[in-house]
Protein backbone atom coordinates (compact mmCIF):
# COMPACT_ATOMS: atom_id res chain seq x y z
CA MET A 1 56.50 199.86 154.27
CA LYS A 2 57.36 196.94 156.32
CA LYS A 3 55.88 198.54 159.42
CA ILE A 4 52.40 199.05 157.44
CA LEU A 5 52.94 195.15 156.31
CA ILE A 6 53.42 194.00 159.82
CA ALA A 7 50.32 195.94 161.16
CA VAL A 8 48.06 194.41 158.30
CA VAL A 9 49.48 190.99 159.12
CA ALA A 10 49.05 191.29 162.90
CA THR A 11 45.23 192.85 162.09
CA GLY A 12 44.79 189.53 160.12
CA LEU A 13 45.85 187.26 162.96
CA PHE A 14 44.04 189.13 165.85
CA GLY A 15 41.10 189.15 163.72
CA LEU A 16 41.10 185.55 162.79
CA LEU A 17 41.50 184.36 166.80
CA PRO A 18 37.94 184.95 167.65
CA LEU A 19 36.32 182.65 165.02
CA HIS A 20 35.02 180.14 167.34
CA ALA A 21 32.96 182.76 169.45
CA SER A 22 29.20 182.60 169.99
CA ALA A 23 26.50 185.00 169.11
CA GLU A 24 26.68 186.59 172.56
CA ASP A 25 30.03 187.58 172.06
CA ALA A 26 29.16 189.92 169.22
CA THR A 27 29.64 193.31 170.96
CA LYS A 28 33.49 191.89 171.56
CA LEU A 29 33.86 191.07 167.89
CA ASP A 30 32.66 194.55 166.77
CA ARG A 31 35.67 196.06 168.83
CA VAL A 32 37.84 193.96 166.59
CA GLY A 33 36.13 195.11 163.83
CA GLU A 34 36.40 198.78 164.88
CA GLY A 35 40.06 198.02 165.08
CA ALA A 36 40.47 196.30 162.11
CA VAL A 37 38.97 199.31 160.16
CA ASP A 38 41.11 202.04 162.34
CA THR A 39 44.30 200.08 161.23
CA VAL A 40 43.70 199.63 157.94
CA THR A 41 42.35 203.36 157.32
CA SER A 42 45.15 204.77 159.17
CA PRO A 43 47.26 205.74 155.86
CA GLY A 44 44.43 207.88 154.95
CA GLN A 45 45.01 210.31 157.46
CA ILE A 46 48.30 211.30 155.83
CA VAL A 47 46.45 212.09 152.63
CA ASP A 48 43.94 214.12 154.45
CA GLY A 49 46.86 215.69 156.43
CA ILE A 50 48.47 216.64 153.34
CA SER A 51 45.63 217.89 151.39
CA LYS A 52 44.11 220.36 154.29
CA ASP A 53 47.85 221.83 154.78
CA VAL A 54 47.80 222.55 151.04
CA GLN A 55 44.72 224.50 151.02
CA GLU A 56 45.88 226.24 154.16
CA HIS A 57 49.31 227.21 153.62
CA GLY A 58 50.09 226.50 149.94
CA PRO A 59 51.93 223.50 147.96
CA VAL A 60 55.07 223.70 149.44
CA VAL A 61 54.81 224.33 153.19
CA GLY A 62 51.24 222.43 153.15
CA THR A 63 52.74 218.97 152.19
CA VAL A 64 55.62 219.18 154.41
CA THR A 65 53.48 220.25 157.42
CA GLY A 66 50.75 217.74 155.97
CA THR A 67 52.79 214.73 155.86
CA VAL A 68 54.20 215.30 159.24
CA LYS A 69 50.73 215.78 161.18
CA GLY A 70 48.96 213.10 158.83
CA THR A 71 51.72 210.70 159.79
CA ALA A 72 51.23 211.41 163.70
CA LYS A 73 47.46 210.99 163.18
CA ALA A 74 48.13 207.83 161.02
CA ALA A 75 50.28 206.17 163.62
CA GLY A 76 47.98 207.05 166.74
CA GLN A 77 44.95 205.84 164.46
CA ALA A 78 46.85 202.61 163.95
CA VAL A 79 47.90 202.21 167.58
CA THR A 80 44.47 202.71 168.80
CA GLY A 81 43.20 200.33 166.09
CA ALA A 82 45.77 197.53 166.92
CA ALA A 83 44.96 197.85 170.78
CA LYS A 84 41.02 197.70 170.05
CA ILE A 85 41.60 194.48 168.27
CA GLY A 86 44.09 192.95 171.09
CA VAL A 87 41.15 193.84 173.39
CA GLY A 88 38.30 192.57 171.50
CA ALA A 89 40.23 189.39 170.82
CA VAL A 90 41.28 188.57 174.60
CA GLU A 91 37.71 189.52 175.87
CA THR A 92 36.20 187.25 173.18
CA ILE A 93 38.49 184.21 174.05
CA LEU A 94 38.26 184.78 177.72
CA SER A 95 34.56 185.23 178.36
CA PRO A 96 33.70 181.66 178.47
CA VAL A 97 36.49 181.43 181.37
CA THR A 98 35.41 184.73 182.97
CA GLY A 99 31.67 184.28 182.43
CA ASP A 100 31.17 187.77 180.91
């Protein structure tokens, strides 16, 4: 639970960094938005994994395997989301300096 809270707080902090950006930085800000969506929706991967495996393998085995698979997918999605947020924020902040 603490890790999810930390991810949400980090998402908020990185999401607020590029607020001073101009309209031409919209594509870079889109990456930040995509990352925030990936990070926030990653716990849904666990539920999806459980429901799919319960249908495929039954309630007992499906709950165990679905939790493991779903958690792995959720962790990967959260990391990808955090990376997109970080890259988008850095690009937006550095674009006046680099001229991109």
